[in-house]
Amino acid sequence: MIHPSNVPLGIYLNHSSIVHRLSVGWKMLAVTAFILAGAVLVDSWIGGAICMLIVAAAYVAARIPIAVALKQIAGALPLLLFLSVFLWWRGGFLAALTSFLTLLSAIMMAIVFTLTTRVTEVMDFLVNALQPFERFGVPVDTIALALSLTLRMIPLQVMAAAEVLEARKARGATASIVAFGVPVVVRTIGRARAMADALVARGVGE
């Protein structure tokens, strides 16, 4: 049994809560609306703080332990702090704080979705939603698989960025967008190729 503090990123947390019992469609709609509202409407640190309060309420409703919440977001914090320092330098402290809170709340809300929704449920929902387009030759199963994999790859991508930042910090490297971006892109391409090879080996897309 996985200890709460060691739940990997993107792994389904088997609890009985009101959030777990919500349908995939409603959860996807809620998360999308929350992220879009934060991106469009939040223009002050107060708005960012309100977003964080909403996220906290979602975690409580989903019965997600504090240890799990901290474990899930730990990988994203170095990247968010790196971006916040850059924004502080460009636009001031309050602008950086607003962006930090907004981005953090968006990531944490997306994590709520992954922790409370099985991959099979997401795929079944997407297949059913796209089923009417199958008559027009749309590869419904392939699209559903691609979207499901995308949802699960987001936490891994955040972890990759955090690992690069930690490695640069350990070497005492100076701040450089290029020096940070290149290793992240290389890791991303490598992971994508490995996943593509695995899918081809299983006959996906044939």
Protein backbone atom coordinates (compact mmCIF):
# COMPACT_ATOMS: atom_id res chain seq x y z
CA MET A 1 0.00 0.00 0.00
CA ILE A 2 1.37 3.44 -0.95
CA HIS A 3 1.98 5.74 2.00
CA PRO A 4 0.18 9.08 1.57
CA SER A 5 3.43 11.05 1.56
CA ASN A 6 4.83 8.86 -1.24
CA VAL A 7 1.96 9.02 -3.72
CA PRO A 8 3.62 9.62 -7.14
CA LEU A 9 2.55 12.52 -9.31
CA GLY A 10 -0.57 11.82 -11.33
CA ILE A 11 -1.51 8.61 -9.49
CA TYR A 12 -5.18 8.02 -8.65
CA LEU A 13 -5.88 8.32 -4.92
CA ASN A 14 -8.57 5.81 -3.99
CA HIS A 15 -10.81 7.66 -1.53
CA SER A 16 -14.55 8.04 -1.13
CA SER A 17 -15.35 11.73 -1.40
CA ILE A 18 -17.82 14.02 -3.11
CA VAL A 19 -15.14 14.99 -5.63
CA HIS A 20 -14.34 11.36 -6.44
CA ARG A 21 -18.02 10.68 -7.05
CA LEU A 22 -18.47 13.57 -9.47
CA SER A 23 -18.63 12.58 -13.13
CA VAL A 24 -15.55 13.10 -15.27
CA GLY A 25 -17.37 15.65 -17.41
CA TRP A 26 -18.29 17.88 -14.48
CA LYS A 27 -14.76 17.67 -13.07
CA MET A 28 -13.18 18.53 -16.41
CA LEU A 29 -15.59 21.44 -16.85
CA ALA A 30 -14.90 22.73 -13.34
CA VAL A 31 -11.11 22.53 -13.69
CA THR A 32 -11.16 24.16 -17.13
CA ALA A 33 -13.45 26.96 -15.94
CA PHE A 34 -11.29 27.55 -12.87
CA ILE A 35 -8.06 27.79 -14.87
CA LEU A 36 -9.59 30.06 -17.52
CA ALA A 37 -11.17 32.30 -14.88
CA GLY A 38 -7.85 32.61 -13.10
CA ALA A 39 -6.03 33.48 -16.31
CA VAL A 40 -8.62 36.04 -17.47
CA LEU A 41 -10.06 37.57 -14.32
CA VAL A 42 -7.31 37.54 -11.70
CA ASP A 43 -5.31 40.77 -11.82
CA SER A 44 -4.20 41.18 -8.19
CA TRP A 45 -2.65 39.12 -5.42
CA ILE A 46 -6.01 39.18 -3.64
CA GLY A 47 -7.58 37.36 -6.59
CA GLY A 48 -4.72 34.88 -6.50
CA ALA A 49 -5.30 34.31 -2.79
CA ILE A 50 -9.00 33.67 -3.45
CA CYS A 51 -8.01 31.07 -6.06
CA MET A 52 -5.82 29.36 -3.47
CA LEU A 53 -8.71 29.30 -0.99
CA ILE A 54 -10.92 27.64 -3.61
CA VAL A 55 -8.19 25.07 -4.24
CA ALA A 56 -7.86 24.42 -0.49
CA ALA A 57 -11.61 23.81 -0.31
CA ALA A 58 -11.34 21.37 -3.23
CA TYR A 59 -8.56 19.43 -1.47
CA VAL A 60 -10.62 19.24 1.72
CA ALA A 61 -13.70 18.10 -0.21
CA ALA A 62 -11.61 15.45 -2.00
CA ARG A 63 -10.13 14.29 1.34
CA ILE A 64 -6.60 14.66 0.03
CA PRO A 65 -4.10 14.54 2.94
CA ILE A 66 -1.77 17.50 3.45
CA ALA A 67 1.25 15.21 2.96
CA VAL A 68 -0.04 14.19 -0.47
CA ALA A 69 -0.79 17.78 -1.46
CA LEU A 70 2.73 18.90 -0.52
CA LYS A 71 4.29 15.91 -2.30
CA GLN A 72 2.33 16.60 -5.47
CA ILE A 73 3.21 20.29 -5.70
CA ALA A 74 6.84 20.03 -4.54
CA GLY A 75 8.13 19.37 -8.05
CA ALA A 76 6.47 22.46 -9.48
CA LEU A 77 7.63 24.92 -6.82
CA PRO A 78 11.22 25.40 -8.09
CA LEU A 79 9.94 26.23 -11.59
CA LEU A 80 7.26 28.58 -10.23
CA LEU A 81 9.79 30.34 -8.01
CA PHE A 82 12.17 30.69 -10.95
CA LEU A 83 9.43 32.28 -13.05
CA SER A 84 8.31 34.47 -10.14
CA VAL A 85 11.80 35.89 -9.65
CA PHE A 86 11.94 36.72 -13.34
CA LEU A 87 8.51 38.40 -13.18
CA TRP A 88 9.54 40.28 -10.03
CA TRP A 89 12.51 41.66 -11.91
CA ARG A 90 10.33 42.62 -14.91
CA GLY A 91 7.11 43.84 -13.26
CA GLY A 92 7.54 44.15 -9.52
CA PHE A 93 6.74 42.08 -6.44
CA LEU A 94 2.93 42.27 -6.55
CA ALA A 95 2.80 41.22 -10.21
CA ALA A 96 5.09 38.29 -9.45
CA LEU A 97 3.03 37.28 -6.41
CA THR A 98 -0.19 37.42 -8.43
CA SER A 99 1.25 35.21 -11.17
CA PHE A 100 2.72 32.80 -8.62
CA LEU A 101 -0.57 32.32 -6.79
CA THR A 102 -2.57 32.02 -10.02
CA LEU A 103 -0.24 29.45 -11.58
CA LEU A 104 0.11 27.50 -8.34
CA SER A 105 -3.66 27.31 -7.89
CA ALA A 106 -4.12 26.16 -11.51
CA ILE A 107 -1.55 23.38 -11.13
CA MET A 108 -2.98 22.27 -7.79
CA MET A 109 -6.52 22.19 -9.19
CA ALA A 110 -5.32 20.06 -12.12
CA ILE A 111 -3.66 17.73 -9.60
CA VAL A 112 -6.99 17.38 -7.79
CA PHE A 113 -8.43 16.10 -11.07
CA THR A 114 -5.66 13.53 -11.59
CA LEU A 115 -5.83 12.32 -7.98
CA THR A 116 -9.59 11.82 -8.06
CA THR A 117 -10.10 10.46 -11.58
CA ARG A 118 -8.98 7.15 -13.05
CA VAL A 119 -7.37 7.16 -16.50
CA THR A 120 -9.95 4.63 -17.68
CA GLU A 121 -12.75 6.99 -16.65
CA VAL A 122 -11.18 9.83 -18.61
CA MET A 123 -10.76 7.66 -21.70
CA ASP A 124 -14.32 6.33 -21.50
CA PHE A 125 -15.67 9.88 -21.19
CA LEU A 126 -13.63 11.14 -24.13
CA VAL A 127 -14.59 8.17 -26.30
CA ASN A 128 -18.29 8.72 -25.57
CA ALA A 129 -18.01 12.48 -26.14
CA LEU A 130 -16.23 12.03 -29.47
CA GLN A 131 -18.29 9.05 -30.64
CA PRO A 132 -20.58 11.11 -32.96
CA PHE A 133 -17.52 12.19 -34.96
CA GLU A 134 -16.42 8.61 -35.64
CA ARG A 135 -18.79 8.40 -38.63
CA PHE A 136 -16.71 11.14 -40.28
CA GLY A 137 -13.54 9.09 -39.97
CA VAL A 138 -12.27 10.73 -36.79
CA PRO A 139 -9.96 8.30 -34.90
CA VAL A 140 -11.85 8.57 -31.61
CA ASP A 141 -9.86 5.96 -29.67
CA THR A 142 -6.53 7.46 -30.73
CA ILE A 143 -7.60 10.98 -29.77
CA ALA A 144 -8.90 9.79 -26.39
CA LEU A 145 -5.62 8.00 -25.72
CA ALA A 146 -3.59 11.05 -26.74
CA LEU A 147 -5.58 13.38 -24.48
CA SER A 148 -5.38 10.97 -21.56
CA LEU A 149 -1.63 10.63 -21.97
CA THR A 150 -1.32 14.41 -22.14
CA LEU A 151 -3.09 14.78 -18.80
CA ARG A 152 -0.75 12.26 -17.21
CA MET A 153 2.38 13.74 -18.80
CA ILE A 154 1.89 17.21 -17.31
CA PRO A 155 3.11 16.20 -13.82
CA LEU A 156 6.10 14.40 -15.36
CA GLN A 157 6.97 17.51 -17.34
CA VAL A 158 6.86 19.62 -14.19
CA MET A 159 9.15 17.13 -12.48
CA ALA A 160 11.61 17.28 -15.38
CA ALA A 161 11.78 21.08 -15.16
CA ALA A 162 12.27 20.90 -11.39
CA GLU A 163 15.09 18.36 -11.77
CA VAL A 164 16.90 20.60 -14.26
CA LEU A 165 16.62 23.58 -11.91
CA GLU A 166 17.91 21.52 -8.98
CA ALA A 167 20.84 20.23 -11.05
CA ARG A 168 21.76 23.76 -12.11
CA LYS A 169 21.52 24.95 -8.52
CA ALA A 170 23.81 22.13 -7.36
CA ARG A 171 26.40 23.11 -9.98
CA GLY A 172 26.14 26.78 -9.05
CA ALA A 173 25.13 27.70 -12.62
CA THR A 174 23.99 31.22 -13.40
CA ALA A 175 20.43 32.03 -14.41
CA SER A 176 19.89 31.48 -18.13
CA ILE A 177 16.66 30.74 -19.96
CA VAL A 178 18.52 28.91 -22.75
CA ALA A 179 20.60 26.79 -20.36
CA PHE A 180 17.41 25.87 -18.53
CA GLY A 181 15.23 25.31 -21.59
CA VAL A 182 17.56 23.08 -23.63
CA PRO A 183 17.82 20.23 -21.08
CA VAL A 184 14.06 20.35 -20.50
CA VAL A 185 13.36 20.15 -24.24
CA VAL A 186 15.86 17.30 -24.67
CA ARG A 187 14.24 15.33 -21.85
CA THR A 188 10.79 16.02 -23.27
CA ILE A 189 11.77 14.78 -26.73
CA GLY A 190 13.41 11.70 -25.24
CA ARG A 191 10.31 10.84 -23.21
CA ALA A 192 8.05 11.43 -26.22
CA ARG A 193 10.15 9.13 -28.42
CA ALA A 194 10.20 6.42 -25.76
CA MET A 195 6.42 6.63 -25.40
CA ALA A 196 5.95 6.59 -29.17
CA ASP A 197 8.11 3.47 -29.46
CA ALA A 198 6.10 1.79 -26.70
CA LEU A 199 2.80 2.63 -28.41
CA VAL A 200 4.05 1.40 -31.79
CA ALA A 201 5.25 -1.83 -30.17
CA ARG A 202 1.71 -2.36 -28.88
CA GLY A 203 0.20 -1.75 -32.31
CA VAL A 204 -1.46 1.57 -31.47
CA GLY A 205 -2.35 3.56 -34.57
CA GLU A 206 -2.13 0.65 -37.00
